[in-house]
Amino acid sequence: MSSPGSNAEGAGVSLRNAVLLLCSLFIFHLGRGWARGLVEGNYLLGVVGLLLALAPVVWLLFVIREAYF
Protein backbone atom coordinates (compact mmCIF):
# COMPACT_ATOMS: atom_id res chain seq x y z
CA MET A 1 0.00 0.00 0.00
CA SER A 2 1.42 3.36 -0.96
CA SER A 3 1.49 6.38 1.25
CA PRO A 4 -1.10 9.10 0.61
CA GLY A 5 1.54 11.68 -0.35
CA SER A 6 3.29 9.58 -3.00
CA ASN A 7 2.80 10.09 -6.70
CA ALA A 8 4.35 8.78 -9.90
CA GLU A 9 5.26 12.20 -11.26
CA GLY A 10 8.60 12.14 -9.50
CA ALA A 11 9.70 9.11 -11.51
CA GLY A 12 11.25 11.39 -14.15
CA VAL A 13 10.14 9.44 -17.25
CA SER A 14 6.75 10.09 -18.77
CA LEU A 15 5.10 7.82 -21.30
CA ARG A 16 5.61 10.42 -24.00
CA ASN A 17 9.35 10.62 -23.31
CA ALA A 18 9.62 6.83 -23.22
CA VAL A 19 7.94 6.54 -26.65
CA LEU A 20 10.16 9.30 -28.05
CA LEU A 21 13.22 7.55 -26.67
CA LEU A 22 12.25 4.25 -28.30
CA CYS A 23 11.63 5.98 -31.63
CA SER A 24 14.95 7.80 -31.43
CA LEU A 25 16.74 4.53 -30.67
CA PHE A 26 15.14 2.99 -33.78
CA ILE A 27 16.21 5.97 -35.89
CA PHE A 28 19.73 5.75 -34.45
CA HIS A 29 19.93 2.05 -35.29
CA LEU A 30 18.65 2.67 -38.83
CA GLY A 31 21.06 5.55 -39.36
CA ARG A 32 23.96 3.52 -38.03
CA GLY A 33 23.25 0.83 -40.60
CA TRP A 34 22.97 3.34 -43.41
CA ALA A 35 26.15 5.12 -42.30
CA ARG A 36 27.99 1.92 -43.13
CA GLY A 37 27.52 3.03 -46.73
CA LEU A 38 30.39 5.49 -46.25
CA VAL A 39 32.78 2.57 -45.90
CA GLU A 40 31.22 0.64 -48.78
CA GLY A 41 31.39 3.57 -51.21
CA ASN A 42 27.73 4.61 -51.20
CA TYR A 43 28.38 8.14 -49.99
CA LEU A 44 24.89 9.61 -50.33
CA LEU A 45 23.28 6.89 -48.24
CA GLY A 46 26.19 7.05 -45.80
CA VAL A 47 25.85 10.79 -45.21
CA VAL A 48 22.09 10.48 -44.74
CA GLY A 49 22.67 7.62 -42.31
CA LEU A 50 25.27 9.61 -40.41
CA LEU A 51 22.83 12.51 -40.04
CA LEU A 52 20.11 10.11 -38.91
CA ALA A 53 22.44 8.53 -36.37
CA LEU A 54 23.52 11.89 -34.94
CA ALA A 55 20.07 13.49 -34.76
CA PRO A 56 18.76 11.45 -31.79
CA VAL A 57 22.02 11.98 -29.91
CA VAL A 58 21.77 15.75 -30.33
CA TRP A 59 18.08 15.67 -29.32
CA LEU A 60 18.90 13.67 -26.20
CA LEU A 61 21.65 16.12 -25.24
CA PHE A 62 19.20 19.03 -25.58
CA VAL A 63 16.66 17.22 -23.39
CA ILE A 64 19.29 16.56 -20.73
CA ARG A 65 20.46 20.17 -20.86
CA GLU A 66 16.91 21.47 -20.40
CA ALA A 67 16.23 19.12 -17.51
CA TYR A 68 19.42 19.55 -15.50
CA PHE A 69 21.12 22.83 -16.48
PDB file of N, CA and C in Angstrom:
ATOM      1  N   MET A   1       0.842  -1.168   0.000  1.00  0.00           N
ATOM      2  CA  MET A   1       0.000   0.000   0.000  1.00  0.00           C
ATOM      3  C   MET A   1       0.891   1.236   0.000  1.00  0.00           C
ATOM      4  N   SER A   2       0.596   2.167  -0.853  1.00  0.00           N
ATOM      5  CA  SER A   2       1.419   3.364  -0.957  1.00  0.00           C
ATOM      6  C   SER A   2       0.949   4.419   0.027  1.00  0.00           C
ATOM      7  N   SER A   3       1.854   5.299   0.332  1.00  0.00           N
ATOM      8  CA  SER A   3       1.494   6.378   1.249  1.00  0.00           C
ATOM      9  C   SER A   3       0.642   7.404   0.525  1.00  0.00           C
ATOM     10  N   PRO A   4      -0.200   8.149   1.265  1.00  0.00           N
ATOM     11  CA  PRO A   4      -1.103   9.102   0.606  1.00  0.00           C
ATOM     12  C   PRO A   4      -0.385  10.227  -0.111  1.00  0.00           C
ATOM     13  N   GLY A   5       0.832  10.560   0.272  1.00  0.00           N
ATOM     14  CA  GLY A   5       1.539  11.676  -0.353  1.00  0.00           C
ATOM     15  C   GLY A   5       2.387  11.274  -1.533  1.00  0.00           C
ATOM     16  N   SER A   6       2.429   9.996  -1.886  1.00  0.00           N
ATOM     17  CA  SER A   6       3.292   9.583  -2.998  1.00  0.00           C
ATOM     18  C   SER A   6       2.570   9.741  -4.329  1.00  0.00           C
ATOM     19  N   ASN A   7       3.358  10.013  -5.347  1.00  0.00           N
ATOM     20  CA  ASN A   7       2.797  10.093  -6.703  1.00  0.00           C
ATOM     21  C   ASN A   7       3.847   9.612  -7.684  1.00  0.00           C
ATOM     22  N   ALA A   8       3.440   9.307  -8.881  1.00  0.00           N
ATOM     23  CA  ALA A   8       4.347   8.775  -9.903  1.00  0.00           C
ATOM     24  C   ALA A   8       5.010   9.873 -10.709  1.00  0.00           C
ATOM     25  N   GLU A   9       4.683  11.125 -10.470  1.00  0.00           N
ATOM     26  CA  GLU A   9       5.257  12.201 -11.258  1.00  0.00           C
ATOM     27  C   GLU A   9       6.738  12.395 -10.972  1.00  0.00           C
ATOM     28  N   GLY A  10       7.197  11.988  -9.833  1.00  0.00           N
ATOM     29  CA  GLY A  10       8.601  12.140  -9.499  1.00  0.00           C
ATOM     30  C   GLY A  10       9.484  11.092 -10.135  1.00  0.00           C
ATOM     31  N   ALA A  11       8.915  10.172 -10.898  1.00  0.00           N
ATOM     32  CA  ALA A  11       9.705   9.112 -11.515  1.00  0.00           C
ATOM     33  C   ALA A  11      10.671   9.657 -12.559  1.00  0.00           C
ATOM     34  N   GLY A  12      10.342  10.755 -13.205  1.00  0.00           N
ATOM     35  CA  GLY A  12      11.249  11.390 -14.150  1.00  0.00           C
ATOM     36  C   GLY A  12      11.055  10.974 -15.596  1.00  0.00           C
ATOM     37  N   VAL A  13      10.344   9.891 -15.872  1.00  0.00           N
ATOM     38  CA  VAL A  13      10.142   9.440 -17.245  1.00  0.00           C
ATOM     39  C   VAL A  13       8.645   9.337 -17.503  1.00  0.00           C
ATOM     40  N   SER A  14       8.163  10.161 -18.408  1.00  0.00           N
ATOM     41  CA  SER A  14       6.754  10.087 -18.768  1.00  0.00           C
ATOM     42  C   SER A  14       6.593   9.109 -19.927  1.00  0.00           C
ATOM     43  N   LEU A  15       5.373   8.735 -20.192  1.00  0.00           N
ATOM     44  CA  LEU A  15       5.100   7.816 -21.300  1.00  0.00           C
ATOM     45  C   LEU A  15       5.502   8.438 -22.626  1.00  0.00           C
ATOM     46  N   ARG A  16       5.258   9.727 -22.777  1.00  0.00           N
ATOM     47  CA  ARG A  16       5.613  10.417 -24.003  1.00  0.00           C
ATOM     48  C   ARG A  16       7.121  10.388 -24.229  1.00  0.00           C
ATOM     49  N   ASN A  17       7.892  10.647 -23.175  1.00  0.00           N
ATOM     50  CA  ASN A  17       9.347  10.618 -23.314  1.00  0.00           C
ATOM     51  C   ASN A  17       9.855   9.208 -23.577  1.00  0.00           C
ATOM     52  N   ALA A  18       9.212   8.217 -22.993  1.00  0.00           N
ATOM     53  CA  ALA A  18       9.619   6.831 -23.225  1.00  0.00           C
ATOM     54  C   ALA A  18       9.377   6.441 -24.683  1.00  0.00           C
ATOM     55  N   VAL A  19       8.241   6.838 -25.243  1.00  0.00           N
ATOM     56  CA  VAL A  19       7.944   6.541 -26.649  1.00  0.00           C
ATOM     57  C   VAL A  19       8.918   7.283 -27.562  1.00  0.00           C
ATOM     58  N   LEU A  20       9.203   8.540 -27.248  1.00  0.00           N
ATOM     59  CA  LEU A  20      10.161   9.300 -28.055  1.00  0.00           C
ATOM     60  C   LEU A  20      11.558   8.691 -27.974  1.00  0.00           C
ATOM     61  N   LEU A  21      11.919   8.188 -26.815  1.00  0.00           N
ATOM     62  CA  LEU A  21      13.224   7.546 -26.672  1.00  0.00           C
ATOM     63  C   LEU A  21      13.307   6.268 -27.500  1.00  0.00           C
ATOM     64  N   LEU A  22      12.254   5.473 -27.488  1.00  0.00           N
ATOM     65  CA  LEU A  22      12.249   4.250 -28.302  1.00  0.00           C
ATOM     66  C   LEU A  22      12.316   4.571 -29.792  1.00  0.00           C
ATOM     67  N   CYS A  23      11.582   5.587 -30.212  1.00  0.00           N
ATOM     68  CA  CYS A  23      11.626   5.984 -31.628  1.00  0.00           C
ATOM     69  C   CYS A  23      13.009   6.505 -32.012  1.00  0.00           C
ATOM     70  N   SER A  24      13.621   7.276 -31.119  1.00  0.00           N
ATOM     71  CA  SER A  24      14.946   7.799 -31.431  1.00  0.00           C
ATOM     72  C   SER A  24      15.989   6.683 -31.455  1.00  0.00           C
ATOM     73  N   LEU A  25      15.827   5.665 -30.608  1.00  0.00           N
ATOM     74  CA  LEU A  25      16.740   4.526 -30.666  1.00  0.00           C
ATOM     75  C   LEU A  25      16.595   3.769 -31.980  1.00  0.00           C
ATOM     76  N   PHE A  26      15.364   3.636 -32.474  1.00  0.00           N
ATOM     77  CA  PHE A  26      15.142   2.989 -33.775  1.00  0.00           C
ATOM     78  C   PHE A  26      15.789   3.800 -34.889  1.00  0.00           C
ATOM     79  N   ILE A  27      15.621   5.114 -34.863  1.00  0.00           N
ATOM     80  CA  ILE A  27      16.209   5.971 -35.892  1.00  0.00           C
ATOM     81  C   ILE A  27      17.727   5.902 -35.828  1.00  0.00           C
ATOM     82  N   PHE A  28      18.284   5.875 -34.599  1.00  0.00           N
ATOM     83  CA  PHE A  28      19.731   5.752 -34.449  1.00  0.00           C
ATOM     84  C   PHE A  28      20.233   4.441 -35.046  1.00  0.00           C
ATOM     85  N   HIS A  29      19.522   3.363 -34.767  1.00  0.00           N
ATOM     86  CA  HIS A  29      19.928   2.049 -35.293  1.00  0.00           C
ATOM     87  C   HIS A  29      19.844   2.023 -36.818  1.00  0.00           C
ATOM     88  N   LEU A  30      18.787   2.597 -37.374  1.00  0.00           N
ATOM     89  CA  LEU A  30      18.646   2.671 -38.826  1.00  0.00           C
ATOM     90  C   LEU A  30      19.754   3.518 -39.440  1.00  0.00           C
ATOM     91  N   GLY A  31      20.010   4.668 -38.852  1.00  0.00           N
ATOM     92  CA  GLY A  31      21.055   5.548 -39.363  1.00  0.00           C
ATOM     93  C   GLY A  31      22.436   4.940 -39.266  1.00  0.00           C
ATOM     94  N   ARG A  32      22.673   4.175 -38.194  1.00  0.00           N
ATOM     95  CA  ARG A  32      23.963   3.519 -38.032  1.00  0.00           C
ATOM     96  C   ARG A  32      24.193   2.500 -39.145  1.00  0.00           C
ATOM     97  N   GLY A  33      23.139   1.784 -39.502  1.00  0.00           N
ATOM     98  CA  GLY A  33      23.254   0.825 -40.601  1.00  0.00           C
ATOM     99  C   GLY A  33      23.489   1.506 -41.934  1.00  0.00           C
ATOM    100  N   TRP A  34      22.782   2.600 -42.161  1.00  0.00           N
ATOM    101  CA  TRP A  34      22.966   3.336 -43.410  1.00  0.00           C
ATOM    102  C   TRP A  34      24.326   4.023 -43.464  1.00  0.00           C
ATOM    103  N   ALA A  35      24.851   4.442 -42.314  1.00  0.00           N
ATOM    104  CA  ALA A  35      26.153   5.121 -42.295  1.00  0.00           C
ATOM    105  C   ALA A  35      27.268   4.173 -42.714  1.00  0.00           C
ATOM    106  N   ARG A  36      27.024   2.891 -42.661  1.00  0.00           N
ATOM    107  CA  ARG A  36      27.995   1.917 -43.129  1.00  0.00           C
ATOM    108  C   ARG A  36      28.254   2.094 -44.629  1.00  0.00           C
ATOM    109  N   GLY A  37      27.339   2.763 -45.306  1.00  0.00           N
ATOM    110  CA  GLY A  37      27.522   3.029 -46.725  1.00  0.00           C
ATOM    111  C   GLY A  37      28.734   3.894 -47.023  1.00  0.00           C
ATOM    112  N   LEU A  38      29.177   4.691 -46.046  1.00  0.00           N
ATOM    113  CA  LEU A  38      30.391   5.487 -46.253  1.00  0.00           C
ATOM    114  C   LEU A  38      31.598   4.598 -46.478  1.00  0.00           C
ATOM    115  N   VAL A  39      31.657   3.502 -45.764  1.00  0.00           N
ATOM    116  CA  VAL A  39      32.780   2.571 -45.898  1.00  0.00           C
ATOM    117  C   VAL A  39      32.670   1.785 -47.198  1.00  0.00           C
ATOM    118  N   GLU A  40      31.429   1.474 -47.597  1.00  0.00           N
ATOM    119  CA  GLU A  40      31.219   0.636 -48.777  1.00  0.00           C
ATOM    120  C   GLU A  40      31.231   1.433 -50.078  1.00  0.00           C
ATOM    121  N   GLY A  41      31.322   2.758 -50.007  1.00  0.00           N
ATOM    122  CA  GLY A  41      31.391   3.570 -51.210  1.00  0.00           C
ATOM    123  C   GLY A  41      30.088   4.235 -51.601  1.00  0.00           C
ATOM    124  N   ASN A  42      29.007   3.965 -50.913  1.00  0.00           N
ATOM    125  CA  ASN A  42      27.731   4.612 -51.199  1.00  0.00           C
ATOM    126  C   ASN A  42      27.634   5.860 -50.317  1.00  0.00           C
ATOM    127  N   TYR A  43      28.198   6.961 -50.816  1.00  0.00           N
ATOM    128  CA  TYR A  43      28.379   8.145 -49.985  1.00  0.00           C
ATOM    129  C   TYR A  43      27.081   8.875 -49.672  1.00  0.00           C
ATOM    130  N   LEU A  44      26.144   8.914 -50.591  1.00  0.00           N
ATOM    131  CA  LEU A  44      24.886   9.609 -50.334  1.00  0.00           C
ATOM    132  C   LEU A  44      24.117   8.929 -49.204  1.00  0.00           C
ATOM    133  N   LEU A  45      23.972   7.633 -49.290  1.00  0.00           N
ATOM    134  CA  LEU A  45      23.278   6.894 -48.240  1.00  0.00           C
ATOM    135  C   LEU A  45      24.055   6.969 -46.920  1.00  0.00           C
ATOM    136  N   GLY A  46      25.371   6.963 -46.999  1.00  0.00           N
ATOM    137  CA  GLY A  46      26.192   7.050 -45.801  1.00  0.00           C
ATOM    138  C   GLY A  46      26.053   8.369 -45.077  1.00  0.00           C
ATOM    139  N   VAL A  47      26.003   9.467 -45.826  1.00  0.00           N
ATOM    140  CA  VAL A  47      25.854  10.787 -45.213  1.00  0.00           C
ATOM    141  C   VAL A  47      24.466  10.924 -44.598  1.00  0.00           C
ATOM    142  N   VAL A  48      23.441  10.442 -45.294  1.00  0.00           N
ATOM    143  CA  VAL A  48      22.086  10.476 -44.735  1.00  0.00           C
ATOM    144  C   VAL A  48      22.021   9.631 -43.471  1.00  0.00           C
ATOM    145  N   GLY A  49      22.638   8.471 -43.485  1.00  0.00           N
ATOM    146  CA  GLY A  49      22.673   7.619 -42.310  1.00  0.00           C
ATOM    147  C   GLY A  49      23.426   8.253 -41.162  1.00  0.00           C
ATOM    148  N   LEU A  50      24.508   8.930 -41.464  1.00  0.00           N
ATOM    149  CA  LEU A  50      25.265   9.614 -40.411  1.00  0.00           C
ATOM    150  C   LEU A  50      24.440  10.717 -39.770  1.00  0.00           C
ATOM    151  N   LEU A  51      23.713  11.468 -40.590  1.00  0.00           N
ATOM    152  CA  LEU A  51      22.834  12.507 -40.037  1.00  0.00           C
ATOM    153  C   LEU A  51      21.711  11.894 -39.202  1.00  0.00           C
ATOM    154  N   LEU A  52      21.154  10.789 -39.680  1.00  0.00           N
ATOM    155  CA  LEU A  52      20.111  10.110 -38.910  1.00  0.00           C
ATOM    156  C   LEU A  52      20.641   9.553 -37.597  1.00  0.00           C
ATOM    157  N   ALA A  53      21.866   9.084 -37.589  1.00  0.00           N
ATOM    158  CA  ALA A  53      22.443   8.534 -36.369  1.00  0.00           C
ATOM    159  C   ALA A  53      22.780   9.629 -35.371  1.00  0.00           C
ATOM    160  N   LEU A  54      23.151  10.809 -35.850  1.00  0.00           N
ATOM    161  CA  LEU A  54      23.524  11.886 -34.943  1.00  0.00           C
ATOM    162  C   LEU A  54      22.322  12.681 -34.430  1.00  0.00           C
ATOM    163  N   ALA A  55      21.232  12.699 -35.165  1.00  0.00           N
ATOM    164  CA  ALA A  55      20.068  13.495 -34.764  1.00  0.00           C
ATOM    165  C   ALA A  55      19.499  13.085 -33.409  1.00  0.00           C
ATOM    166  N   PRO A  56      19.272  11.803 -33.115  1.00  0.00           N
ATOM    167  CA  PRO A  56      18.756  11.449 -31.789  1.00  0.00           C
ATOM    168  C   PRO A  56      19.734  11.756 -30.653  1.00  0.00           C
ATOM    169  N   VAL A  57      21.024  11.663 -30.935  1.00  0.00           N
ATOM    170  CA  VAL A  57      22.020  11.976 -29.914  1.00  0.00           C
ATOM    171  C   VAL A  57      21.959  13.459 -29.561  1.00  0.00           C
ATOM    172  N   VAL A  58      21.866  14.308 -30.566  1.00  0.00           N
ATOM    173  CA  VAL A  58      21.766  15.748 -30.329  1.00  0.00           C
ATOM    174  C   VAL A  58      20.467  16.078 -29.602  1.00  0.00           C
ATOM    175  N   TRP A  59      19.362  15.445 -30.000  1.00  0.00           N
ATOM    176  CA  TRP A  59      18.078  15.672 -29.322  1.00  0.00           C
ATOM    177  C   TRP A  59      18.164  15.272 -27.847  1.00  0.00           C
ATOM    178  N   LEU A  60      18.770  14.135 -27.576  1.00  0.00           N
ATOM    179  CA  LEU A  60      18.898  13.675 -26.197  1.00  0.00           C
ATOM    180  C   LEU A  60      19.763  14.620 -25.377  1.00  0.00           C
ATOM    181  N   LEU A  61      20.823  15.151 -25.957  1.00  0.00           N
ATOM    182  CA  LEU A  61      21.653  16.124 -25.244  1.00  0.00           C
ATOM    183  C   LEU A  61      20.883  17.393 -24.930  1.00  0.00           C
ATOM    184  N   PHE A  62      20.028  17.856 -25.846  1.00  0.00           N
ATOM    185  CA  PHE A  62      19.204  19.029 -25.576  1.00  0.00           C
ATOM    186  C   PHE A  62      18.197  18.758 -24.459  1.00  0.00           C
ATOM    187  N   VAL A  63      17.616  17.567 -24.447  1.00  0.00           N
ATOM    188  CA  VAL A  63      16.659  17.220 -23.390  1.00  0.00           C
ATOM    189  C   VAL A  63      17.362  17.182 -22.040  1.00  0.00           C
ATOM    190  N   ILE A  64      18.542  16.606 -21.996  1.00  0.00           N
ATOM    191  CA  ILE A  64      19.292  16.562 -20.733  1.00  0.00           C
ATOM    192  C   ILE A  64      19.689  17.958 -20.293  1.00  0.00           C
ATOM    193  N   ARG A  65      20.085  18.790 -21.231  1.00  0.00           N
ATOM    194  CA  ARG A  65      20.463  20.169 -20.864  1.00  0.00           C
ATOM    195  C   ARG A  65      19.286  20.948 -20.310  1.00  0.00           C
ATOM    196  N   GLU A  66      18.099  20.777 -20.907  1.00  0.00           N
ATOM    197  CA  GLU A  66      16.908  21.467 -20.400  1.00  0.00           C
ATOM    198  C   GLU A  66      16.525  20.980 -19.019  1.00  0.00           C
ATOM    199  N   ALA A  67      16.692  19.693 -18.769  1.00  0.00           N
ATOM    200  CA  ALA A  67      16.229  19.121 -17.507  1.00  0.00           C
ATOM    201  C   ALA A  67      17.179  19.424 -16.352  1.00  0.00           C
ATOM    202  N   TYR A  68      18.468  19.470 -16.602  1.00  0.00           N
ATOM    203  CA  TYR A  68      19.419  19.551 -15.504  1.00  0.00           C
ATOM    204  C   TYR A  68      20.255  20.819 -15.450  1.00  0.00           C
ATOM    205  N   PHE A  69      20.278  21.621 -16.511  1.00  0.00           N
ATOM    206  CA  PHE A  69      21.122  22.829 -16.485  1.00  0.00           C
ATOM    207  C   PHE A  69      20.344  24.075 -16.732  1.00  0.00           C
TER     208      PHE A  69
END
